[in-house]
mmCIF file of all heavy atoms, coordinates in Angstrom:
data_MODEL
# 
_entry.id   MODEL 
# 
loop_
_atom_site.group_PDB 
_atom_site.id 
_atom_site.type_symbol 
_atom_site.label_atom_id 
_atom_site.label_alt_id 
_atom_site.label_comp_id 
_atom_site.label_asym_id 
_atom_site.label_entity_id 
_atom_site.label_seq_id 
_atom_site.pdbx_PDB_ins_code 
_atom_site.Cartn_x 
_atom_site.Cartn_y 
_atom_site.Cartn_z 
_atom_site.occupancy 
_atom_site.B_iso_or_equiv 
_atom_site.pdbx_formal_charge 
_atom_site.auth_seq_id 
_atom_site.auth_comp_id 
_atom_site.auth_asym_id 
_atom_site.auth_atom_id 
_atom_site.pdbx_PDB_model_num 
ATOM 1   N N   . LYS A 1 1  ? -8.096  -14.719 9.849   1.00 0.00 ? 1  LYS A N   1 
ATOM 2   C CA  . LYS A 1 1  ? -8.598  -13.658 9.000   1.00 0.00 ? 1  LYS A CA  1 
ATOM 3   C C   . LYS A 1 1  ? -8.013  -13.801 7.600   1.00 0.00 ? 1  LYS A C   1 
ATOM 4   O O   . LYS A 1 1  ? -7.013  -14.479 7.391   1.00 0.00 ? 1  LYS A O   1 
ATOM 5   C CB  . LYS A 1 1  ? -8.246  -12.287 9.571   1.00 0.00 ? 1  LYS A CB  1 
ATOM 6   C CG  . LYS A 1 1  ? -8.957  -11.958 10.867  1.00 0.00 ? 1  LYS A CG  1 
ATOM 7   C CD  . LYS A 1 1  ? -8.669  -10.535 11.297  1.00 0.00 ? 1  LYS A CD  1 
ATOM 8   C CE  . LYS A 1 1  ? -9.422  -10.175 12.560  1.00 0.00 ? 1  LYS A CE  1 
ATOM 9   N NZ  . LYS A 1 1  ? -9.154  -8.780  12.982  1.00 0.00 ? 1  LYS A NZ  1 
ATOM 10  N N   . GLY A 1 2  ? -8.663  -13.139 6.655   1.00 0.00 ? 2  GLY A N   1 
ATOM 11  C CA  . GLY A 1 2  ? -8.196  -13.190 5.295   1.00 0.00 ? 2  GLY A CA  1 
ATOM 12  C C   . GLY A 1 2  ? -6.990  -12.305 5.060   1.00 0.00 ? 2  GLY A C   1 
ATOM 13  O O   . GLY A 1 2  ? -6.652  -11.452 5.885   1.00 0.00 ? 2  GLY A O   1 
ATOM 14  N N   . ARG A 1 3  ? -6.355  -12.517 3.936   1.00 0.00 ? 3  ARG A N   1 
ATOM 15  C CA  . ARG A 1 3  ? -5.205  -11.716 3.577   1.00 0.00 ? 3  ARG A CA  1 
ATOM 16  C C   . ARG A 1 3  ? -5.664  -10.343 3.080   1.00 0.00 ? 3  ARG A C   1 
ATOM 17  O O   . ARG A 1 3  ? -6.546  -10.244 2.215   1.00 0.00 ? 3  ARG A O   1 
ATOM 18  C CB  . ARG A 1 3  ? -4.397  -12.439 2.504   1.00 0.00 ? 3  ARG A CB  1 
ATOM 19  C CG  . ARG A 1 3  ? -2.975  -11.961 2.368   1.00 0.00 ? 3  ARG A CG  1 
ATOM 20  C CD  . ARG A 1 3  ? -2.136  -12.984 1.612   1.00 0.00 ? 3  ARG A CD  1 
ATOM 21  N NE  . ARG A 1 3  ? -2.034  -14.250 2.329   1.00 0.00 ? 3  ARG A NE  1 
ATOM 22  C CZ  . ARG A 1 3  ? -1.287  -15.274 1.933   1.00 0.00 ? 3  ARG A CZ  1 
ATOM 23  N NH1 . ARG A 1 3  ? -0.570  -15.179 0.816   1.00 0.00 ? 3  ARG A NH1 1 
ATOM 24  N NH2 . ARG A 1 3  ? -1.270  -16.385 2.637   1.00 0.00 ? 3  ARG A NH2 1 
ATOM 25  N N   . GLU A 1 4  ? -5.058  -9.304  3.610   1.00 0.00 ? 4  GLU A N   1 
ATOM 26  C CA  . GLU A 1 4  ? -5.473  -7.934  3.343   1.00 0.00 ? 4  GLU A CA  1 
ATOM 27  C C   . GLU A 1 4  ? -4.335  -7.126  2.737   1.00 0.00 ? 4  GLU A C   1 
ATOM 28  O O   . GLU A 1 4  ? -3.218  -7.147  3.233   1.00 0.00 ? 4  GLU A O   1 
ATOM 29  C CB  . GLU A 1 4  ? -5.945  -7.289  4.644   1.00 0.00 ? 4  GLU A CB  1 
ATOM 30  C CG  . GLU A 1 4  ? -6.318  -5.830  4.533   1.00 0.00 ? 4  GLU A CG  1 
ATOM 31  C CD  . GLU A 1 4  ? -6.610  -5.208  5.877   1.00 0.00 ? 4  GLU A CD  1 
ATOM 32  O OE1 . GLU A 1 4  ? -5.983  -5.624  6.877   1.00 0.00 ? 4  GLU A OE1 1 
ATOM 33  O OE2 . GLU A 1 4  ? -7.476  -4.307  5.941   1.00 0.00 ? 4  GLU A OE2 1 
ATOM 34  N N   . GLY A 1 5  ? -4.650  -6.389  1.696   1.00 0.00 ? 5  GLY A N   1 
ATOM 35  C CA  . GLY A 1 5  ? -3.646  -5.554  1.061   1.00 0.00 ? 5  GLY A CA  1 
ATOM 36  C C   . GLY A 1 5  ? -3.264  -4.369  1.924   1.00 0.00 ? 5  GLY A C   1 
ATOM 37  O O   . GLY A 1 5  ? -4.124  -3.709  2.514   1.00 0.00 ? 5  GLY A O   1 
ATOM 38  N N   . VAL A 1 6  ? -1.986  -4.087  1.999   1.00 0.00 ? 6  VAL A N   1 
ATOM 39  C CA  . VAL A 1 6  ? -1.467  -2.952  2.746   1.00 0.00 ? 6  VAL A CA  1 
ATOM 40  C C   . VAL A 1 6  ? -1.081  -1.825  1.793   1.00 0.00 ? 6  VAL A C   1 
ATOM 41  O O   . VAL A 1 6  ? -1.486  -0.678  1.962   1.00 0.00 ? 6  VAL A O   1 
ATOM 42  C CB  . VAL A 1 6  ? -0.252  -3.349  3.602   1.00 0.00 ? 6  VAL A CB  1 
ATOM 43  C CG1 . VAL A 1 6  ? 0.328   -2.130  4.313   1.00 0.00 ? 6  VAL A CG1 1 
ATOM 44  C CG2 . VAL A 1 6  ? -0.635  -4.429  4.603   1.00 0.00 ? 6  VAL A CG2 1 
ATOM 45  N N   . ALA A 1 7  ? -0.294  -2.162  0.791   1.00 0.00 ? 7  ALA A N   1 
ATOM 46  C CA  . ALA A 1 7  ? 0.188   -1.174  -0.159  1.00 0.00 ? 7  ALA A CA  1 
ATOM 47  C C   . ALA A 1 7  ? 0.696   -1.856  -1.408  1.00 0.00 ? 7  ALA A C   1 
ATOM 48  O O   . ALA A 1 7  ? 0.970   -3.059  -1.411  1.00 0.00 ? 7  ALA A O   1 
ATOM 49  C CB  . ALA A 1 7  ? 1.308   -0.335  0.467   1.00 0.00 ? 7  ALA A CB  1 
ATOM 50  N N   . ALA A 1 8  ? 0.823   -1.087  -2.474  1.00 0.00 ? 8  ALA A N   1 
ATOM 51  C CA  . ALA A 1 8  ? 1.351   -1.619  -3.721  1.00 0.00 ? 8  ALA A CA  1 
ATOM 52  C C   . ALA A 1 8  ? 2.093   -0.528  -4.470  1.00 0.00 ? 8  ALA A C   1 
ATOM 53  O O   . ALA A 1 8  ? 1.870   0.666   -4.243  1.00 0.00 ? 8  ALA A O   1 
ATOM 54  C CB  . ALA A 1 8  ? 0.228   -2.188  -4.594  1.00 0.00 ? 8  ALA A CB  1 
ATOM 55  N N   . ILE A 1 9  ? 2.962   -0.949  -5.362  1.00 0.00 ? 9  ILE A N   1 
ATOM 56  C CA  . ILE A 1 9  ? 3.725   -0.020  -6.182  1.00 0.00 ? 9  ILE A CA  1 
ATOM 57  C C   . ILE A 1 9  ? 3.769   -0.556  -7.606  1.00 0.00 ? 9  ILE A C   1 
ATOM 58  O O   . ILE A 1 9  ? 3.989   -1.745  -7.829  1.00 0.00 ? 9  ILE A O   1 
ATOM 59  C CB  . ILE A 1 9  ? 5.148   0.176   -5.596  1.00 0.00 ? 9  ILE A CB  1 
ATOM 60  C CG1 . ILE A 1 9  ? 5.913   1.239   -6.385  1.00 0.00 ? 9  ILE A CG1 1 
ATOM 61  C CG2 . ILE A 1 9  ? 5.917   -1.136  -5.552  1.00 0.00 ? 9  ILE A CG2 1 
ATOM 62  C CD1 . ILE A 1 9  ? 7.198   1.676   -5.689  1.00 0.00 ? 9  ILE A CD1 1 
ATOM 63  N N   . ASP A 1 10 ? 3.537   0.325   -8.582  1.00 0.00 ? 10 ASP A N   1 
ATOM 64  C CA  . ASP A 1 10 ? 3.505   -0.120  -9.962  1.00 0.00 ? 10 ASP A CA  1 
ATOM 65  C C   . ASP A 1 10 ? 4.862   0.036   -10.633 1.00 0.00 ? 10 ASP A C   1 
ATOM 66  O O   . ASP A 1 10 ? 5.838   0.472   -10.024 1.00 0.00 ? 10 ASP A O   1 
ATOM 67  C CB  . ASP A 1 10 ? 2.402   0.606   -10.751 1.00 0.00 ? 10 ASP A CB  1 
ATOM 68  C CG  . ASP A 1 10 ? 2.607   2.112   -10.832 1.00 0.00 ? 10 ASP A CG  1 
ATOM 69  O OD1 . ASP A 1 10 ? 3.760   2.588   -10.763 1.00 0.00 ? 10 ASP A OD1 1 
ATOM 70  O OD2 . ASP A 1 10 ? 1.596   2.833   -10.988 1.00 0.00 ? 10 ASP A OD2 1 
ATOM 71  N N   . SER A 1 11 ? 4.909   -0.317  -11.889 1.00 0.00 ? 11 SER A N   1 
ATOM 72  C CA  . SER A 1 11 ? 6.177   -0.316  -12.614 1.00 0.00 ? 11 SER A CA  1 
ATOM 73  C C   . SER A 1 11 ? 6.773   1.072   -12.785 1.00 0.00 ? 11 SER A C   1 
ATOM 74  O O   . SER A 1 11 ? 7.976   1.203   -13.048 1.00 0.00 ? 11 SER A O   1 
ATOM 75  C CB  . SER A 1 11 ? 5.990   -0.971  -13.988 1.00 0.00 ? 11 SER A CB  1 
ATOM 76  O OG  . SER A 1 11 ? 5.026   -0.279  -14.756 1.00 0.00 ? 11 SER A OG  1 
ATOM 77  N N   . ALA A 1 12 ? 5.947   2.108   -12.649 1.00 0.00 ? 12 ALA A N   1 
ATOM 78  C CA  . ALA A 1 12 ? 6.425   3.479   -12.769 1.00 0.00 ? 12 ALA A CA  1 
ATOM 79  C C   . ALA A 1 12 ? 6.773   4.092   -11.423 1.00 0.00 ? 12 ALA A C   1 
ATOM 80  O O   . ALA A 1 12 ? 7.154   5.264   -11.356 1.00 0.00 ? 12 ALA A O   1 
ATOM 81  C CB  . ALA A 1 12 ? 5.375   4.341   -13.469 1.00 0.00 ? 12 ALA A CB  1 
ATOM 82  N N   . GLY A 1 13 ? 6.629   3.323   -10.367 1.00 0.00 ? 13 GLY A N   1 
ATOM 83  C CA  . GLY A 1 13 ? 6.933   3.824   -9.041  1.00 0.00 ? 13 GLY A CA  1 
ATOM 84  C C   . GLY A 1 13 ? 5.758   4.446   -8.325  1.00 0.00 ? 13 GLY A C   1 
ATOM 85  O O   . GLY A 1 13 ? 5.910   4.943   -7.198  1.00 0.00 ? 13 GLY A O   1 
ATOM 86  N N   . GLY A 1 14 ? 4.592   4.438   -8.950  1.00 0.00 ? 14 GLY A N   1 
ATOM 87  C CA  . GLY A 1 14 ? 3.412   4.967   -8.308  1.00 0.00 ? 14 GLY A CA  1 
ATOM 88  C C   . GLY A 1 14 ? 2.949   4.058   -7.186  1.00 0.00 ? 14 GLY A C   1 
ATOM 89  O O   . GLY A 1 14 ? 3.005   2.839   -7.312  1.00 0.00 ? 14 GLY A O   1 
ATOM 90  N N   . THR A 1 15 ? 2.490   4.636   -6.103  1.00 0.00 ? 15 THR A N   1 
ATOM 91  C CA  . THR A 1 15 ? 2.106   3.856   -4.936  1.00 0.00 ? 15 THR A CA  1 
ATOM 92  C C   . THR A 1 15 ? 0.638   4.027   -4.588  1.00 0.00 ? 15 THR A C   1 
ATOM 93  O O   . THR A 1 15 ? 0.014   5.037   -4.918  1.00 0.00 ? 15 THR A O   1 
ATOM 94  C CB  . THR A 1 15 ? 2.950   4.233   -3.714  1.00 0.00 ? 15 THR A CB  1 
ATOM 95  O OG1 . THR A 1 15 ? 2.777   5.631   -3.436  1.00 0.00 ? 15 THR A OG1 1 
ATOM 96  C CG2 . THR A 1 15 ? 4.421   3.967   -3.971  1.00 0.00 ? 15 THR A CG2 1 
ATOM 97  N N   . VAL A 1 16 ? 0.110   3.032   -3.923  1.00 0.00 ? 16 VAL A N   1 
ATOM 98  C CA  . VAL A 1 16 ? -1.258  3.070   -3.448  1.00 0.00 ? 16 VAL A CA  1 
ATOM 99  C C   . VAL A 1 16 ? -1.296  2.372   -2.099  1.00 0.00 ? 16 VAL A C   1 
ATOM 100 O O   . VAL A 1 16 ? -0.571  1.395   -1.878  1.00 0.00 ? 16 VAL A O   1 
ATOM 101 C CB  . VAL A 1 16 ? -2.223  2.398   -4.456  1.00 0.00 ? 16 VAL A CB  1 
ATOM 102 C CG1 . VAL A 1 16 ? -1.860  0.935   -4.659  1.00 0.00 ? 16 VAL A CG1 1 
ATOM 103 C CG2 . VAL A 1 16 ? -3.667  2.539   -4.002  1.00 0.00 ? 16 VAL A CG2 1 
ATOM 104 N N   . TYR A 1 17 ? -2.133  2.880   -1.193  1.00 0.00 ? 17 TYR A N   1 
ATOM 105 C CA  . TYR A 1 17 ? -2.219  2.345   0.148   1.00 0.00 ? 17 TYR A CA  1 
ATOM 106 C C   . TYR A 1 17 ? -3.664  2.086   0.531   1.00 0.00 ? 17 TYR A C   1 
ATOM 107 O O   . TYR A 1 17 ? -4.572  2.776   0.073   1.00 0.00 ? 17 TYR A O   1 
ATOM 108 C CB  . TYR A 1 17 ? -1.618  3.318   1.159   1.00 0.00 ? 17 TYR A CB  1 
ATOM 109 C CG  . TYR A 1 17 ? -0.154  3.593   0.955   1.00 0.00 ? 17 TYR A CG  1 
ATOM 110 C CD1 . TYR A 1 17 ? 0.269   4.613   0.111   1.00 0.00 ? 17 TYR A CD1 1 
ATOM 111 C CD2 . TYR A 1 17 ? 0.810   2.837   1.608   1.00 0.00 ? 17 TYR A CD2 1 
ATOM 112 C CE1 . TYR A 1 17 ? 1.618   4.864   -0.085  1.00 0.00 ? 17 TYR A CE1 1 
ATOM 113 C CE2 . TYR A 1 17 ? 2.158   3.081   1.419   1.00 0.00 ? 17 TYR A CE2 1 
ATOM 114 C CZ  . TYR A 1 17 ? 2.555   4.095   0.576   1.00 0.00 ? 17 TYR A CZ  1 
ATOM 115 O OH  . TYR A 1 17 ? 3.896   4.348   0.382   1.00 0.00 ? 17 TYR A OH  1 
ATOM 116 N N   . ALA A 1 18 ? -3.843  1.110   1.381   1.00 0.00 ? 18 ALA A N   1 
ATOM 117 C CA  . ALA A 1 18 ? -5.157  0.888   1.954   1.00 0.00 ? 18 ALA A CA  1 
ATOM 118 C C   . ALA A 1 18 ? -5.531  2.111   2.780   1.00 0.00 ? 18 ALA A C   1 
ATOM 119 O O   . ALA A 1 18 ? -4.668  2.728   3.415   1.00 0.00 ? 18 ALA A O   1 
ATOM 120 C CB  . ALA A 1 18 ? -5.152  -0.364  2.830   1.00 0.00 ? 18 ALA A CB  1 
ATOM 121 N N   . ASP A 1 19 ? -6.809  2.465   2.767   1.00 0.00 ? 19 ASP A N   1 
ATOM 122 C CA  . ASP A 1 19 ? -7.254  3.651   3.499   1.00 0.00 ? 19 ASP A CA  1 
ATOM 123 C C   . ASP A 1 19 ? -6.870  3.596   4.971   1.00 0.00 ? 19 ASP A C   1 
ATOM 124 O O   . ASP A 1 19 ? -6.565  4.621   5.581   1.00 0.00 ? 19 ASP A O   1 
ATOM 125 C CB  . ASP A 1 19 ? -8.766  3.813   3.372   1.00 0.00 ? 19 ASP A CB  1 
ATOM 126 C CG  . ASP A 1 19 ? -9.197  4.205   1.975   1.00 0.00 ? 19 ASP A CG  1 
ATOM 127 O OD1 . ASP A 1 19 ? -8.361  4.721   1.208   1.00 0.00 ? 19 ASP A OD1 1 
ATOM 128 O OD2 . ASP A 1 19 ? -10.380 3.997   1.651   1.00 0.00 ? 19 ASP A OD2 1 
ATOM 129 N N   . SER A 1 20 ? -6.879  2.409   5.523   1.00 0.00 ? 20 SER A N   1 
ATOM 130 C CA  . SER A 1 20 ? -6.612  2.256   6.939   1.00 0.00 ? 20 SER A CA  1 
ATOM 131 C C   . SER A 1 20 ? -5.155  2.471   7.324   1.00 0.00 ? 20 SER A C   1 
ATOM 132 O O   . SER A 1 20 ? -4.847  2.634   8.510   1.00 0.00 ? 20 SER A O   1 
ATOM 133 C CB  . SER A 1 20 ? -7.052  0.867   7.405   1.00 0.00 ? 20 SER A CB  1 
ATOM 134 O OG  . SER A 1 20 ? -6.331  -0.150  6.732   1.00 0.00 ? 20 SER A OG  1 
ATOM 135 N N   . VAL A 1 21 ? -4.260  2.491   6.351   1.00 0.00 ? 21 VAL A N   1 
ATOM 136 C CA  . VAL A 1 21 ? -2.834  2.594   6.671   1.00 0.00 ? 21 VAL A CA  1 
ATOM 137 C C   . VAL A 1 21 ? -2.151  3.815   6.066   1.00 0.00 ? 21 VAL A C   1 
ATOM 138 O O   . VAL A 1 21 ? -0.941  3.990   6.245   1.00 0.00 ? 21 VAL A O   1 
ATOM 139 C CB  . VAL A 1 21 ? -2.070  1.333   6.234   1.00 0.00 ? 21 VAL A CB  1 
ATOM 140 C CG1 . VAL A 1 21 ? -2.688  0.092   6.852   1.00 0.00 ? 21 VAL A CG1 1 
ATOM 141 C CG2 . VAL A 1 21 ? -2.020  1.226   4.714   1.00 0.00 ? 21 VAL A CG2 1 
ATOM 142 N N   . LYS A 1 22 ? -2.889  4.661   5.382   1.00 0.00 ? 22 LYS A N   1 
ATOM 143 C CA  . LYS A 1 22 ? -2.279  5.840   4.775   1.00 0.00 ? 22 LYS A CA  1 
ATOM 144 C C   . LYS A 1 22 ? -1.601  6.706   5.829   1.00 0.00 ? 22 LYS A C   1 
ATOM 145 O O   . LYS A 1 22 ? -2.160  6.977   6.881   1.00 0.00 ? 22 LYS A O   1 
ATOM 146 C CB  . LYS A 1 22 ? -3.333  6.655   4.035   1.00 0.00 ? 22 LYS A CB  1 
ATOM 147 C CG  . LYS A 1 22 ? -3.782  6.021   2.733   1.00 0.00 ? 22 LYS A CG  1 
ATOM 148 C CD  . LYS A 1 22 ? -4.753  6.913   1.978   1.00 0.00 ? 22 LYS A CD  1 
ATOM 149 C CE  . LYS A 1 22 ? -5.135  6.299   0.640   1.00 0.00 ? 22 LYS A CE  1 
ATOM 150 N NZ  . LYS A 1 22 ? -6.108  7.146   -0.099  1.00 0.00 ? 22 LYS A NZ  1 
ATOM 151 N N   . GLY A 1 23 ? -0.398  7.114   5.507   1.00 0.00 ? 23 GLY A N   1 
ATOM 152 C CA  . GLY A 1 23 ? 0.360   7.939   6.419   1.00 0.00 ? 23 GLY A CA  1 
ATOM 153 C C   . GLY A 1 23 ? 1.132   7.153   7.451   1.00 0.00 ? 23 GLY A C   1 
ATOM 154 O O   . GLY A 1 23 ? 1.863   7.737   8.258   1.00 0.00 ? 23 GLY A O   1 
ATOM 155 N N   . ARG A 1 24 ? 0.998   5.844   7.430   1.00 0.00 ? 24 ARG A N   1 
ATOM 156 C CA  . ARG A 1 24 ? 1.659   4.997   8.414   1.00 0.00 ? 24 ARG A CA  1 
ATOM 157 C C   . ARG A 1 24 ? 2.688   4.070   7.781   1.00 0.00 ? 24 ARG A C   1 
ATOM 158 O O   . ARG A 1 24 ? 3.777   3.883   8.324   1.00 0.00 ? 24 ARG A O   1 
ATOM 159 C CB  . ARG A 1 24 ? 0.614   4.176   9.170   1.00 0.00 ? 24 ARG A CB  1 
ATOM 160 C CG  . ARG A 1 24 ? -0.358  5.002   10.000  1.00 0.00 ? 24 ARG A CG  1 
ATOM 161 C CD  . ARG A 1 24 ? -1.580  4.193   10.351  1.00 0.00 ? 24 ARG A CD  1 
ATOM 162 N NE  . ARG A 1 24 ? -1.224  2.873   10.867  1.00 0.00 ? 24 ARG A NE  1 
ATOM 163 C CZ  . ARG A 1 24 ? -2.053  1.840   10.914  1.00 0.00 ? 24 ARG A CZ  1 
ATOM 164 N NH1 . ARG A 1 24 ? -3.296  1.969   10.460  1.00 0.00 ? 24 ARG A NH1 1 
ATOM 165 N NH2 . ARG A 1 24 ? -1.643  0.684   11.406  1.00 0.00 ? 24 ARG A NH2 1 
ATOM 166 N N   . PHE A 1 25 ? 2.339   3.483   6.655   1.00 0.00 ? 25 PHE A N   1 
ATOM 167 C CA  . PHE A 1 25 ? 3.243   2.598   5.940   1.00 0.00 ? 25 PHE A CA  1 
ATOM 168 C C   . PHE A 1 25 ? 3.797   3.291   4.705   1.00 0.00 ? 25 PHE A C   1 
ATOM 169 O O   . PHE A 1 25 ? 3.136   4.141   4.107   1.00 0.00 ? 25 PHE A O   1 
ATOM 170 C CB  . PHE A 1 25 ? 2.536   1.313   5.502   1.00 0.00 ? 25 PHE A CB  1 
ATOM 171 C CG  . PHE A 1 25 ? 2.287   0.332   6.606   1.00 0.00 ? 25 PHE A CG  1 
ATOM 172 C CD1 . PHE A 1 25 ? 1.097   0.349   7.314   1.00 0.00 ? 25 PHE A CD1 1 
ATOM 173 C CD2 . PHE A 1 25 ? 3.240   -0.619  6.929   1.00 0.00 ? 25 PHE A CD2 1 
ATOM 174 C CE1 . PHE A 1 25 ? 0.857   -0.561  8.326   1.00 0.00 ? 25 PHE A CE1 1 
ATOM 175 C CE2 . PHE A 1 25 ? 3.012   -1.537  7.937   1.00 0.00 ? 25 PHE A CE2 1 
ATOM 176 C CZ  . PHE A 1 25 ? 1.826   -1.516  8.639   1.00 0.00 ? 25 PHE A CZ  1 
ATOM 177 N N   . THR A 1 26 ? 4.986   2.888   4.327   1.00 0.00 ? 26 THR A N   1 
ATOM 178 C CA  . THR A 1 26 ? 5.599   3.382   3.112   1.00 0.00 ? 26 THR A CA  1 
ATOM 179 C C   . THR A 1 26 ? 6.136   2.207   2.315   1.00 0.00 ? 26 THR A C   1 
ATOM 180 O O   . THR A 1 26 ? 6.913   1.405   2.831   1.00 0.00 ? 26 THR A O   1 
ATOM 181 C CB  . THR A 1 26 ? 6.750   4.358   3.408   1.00 0.00 ? 26 THR A CB  1 
ATOM 182 O OG1 . THR A 1 26 ? 6.259   5.482   4.143   1.00 0.00 ? 26 THR A OG1 1 
ATOM 183 C CG2 . THR A 1 26 ? 7.360   4.860   2.101   1.00 0.00 ? 26 THR A CG2 1 
ATOM 184 N N   . ILE A 1 27 ? 5.709   2.103   1.075   1.00 0.00 ? 27 ILE A N   1 
ATOM 185 C CA  . ILE A 1 27 ? 6.215   1.064   0.194   1.00 0.00 ? 27 ILE A CA  1 
ATOM 186 C C   . ILE A 1 27 ? 7.215   1.697   -0.763  1.00 0.00 ? 27 ILE A C   1 
ATOM 187 O O   . ILE A 1 27 ? 7.027   2.814   -1.231  1.00 0.00 ? 27 ILE A O   1 
ATOM 188 C CB  . ILE A 1 27 ? 5.066   0.373   -0.580  1.00 0.00 ? 27 ILE A CB  1 
ATOM 189 C CG1 . ILE A 1 27 ? 5.590   -0.837  -1.354  1.00 0.00 ? 27 ILE A CG1 1 
ATOM 190 C CG2 . ILE A 1 27 ? 4.366   1.353   -1.512  1.00 0.00 ? 27 ILE A CG2 1 
ATOM 191 C CD1 . ILE A 1 27 ? 4.479   -1.702  -1.953  1.00 0.00 ? 27 ILE A CD1 1 
ATOM 192 N N   . SER A 1 28 ? 8.274   0.992   -1.044  1.00 0.00 ? 28 SER A N   1 
ATOM 193 C CA  . SER A 1 28 ? 9.298   1.503   -1.944  1.00 0.00 ? 28 SER A CA  1 
ATOM 194 C C   . SER A 1 28 ? 10.034  0.339   -2.581  1.00 0.00 ? 28 SER A C   1 
ATOM 195 O O   . SER A 1 28 ? 9.862   -0.818  -2.183  1.00 0.00 ? 28 SER A O   1 
ATOM 196 C CB  . SER A 1 28 ? 10.280  2.417   -1.201  1.00 0.00 ? 28 SER A CB  1 
ATOM 197 O OG  . SER A 1 28 ? 10.961  1.703   -0.180  1.00 0.00 ? 28 SER A OG  1 
# 
């Protein structure tokens, strides 16, 4: 399978998650 994004965090600490993993993964 292809590589799939799970989560990301920007330079200000803002986070974004794939819809399928919200509430399950935490990026920090």
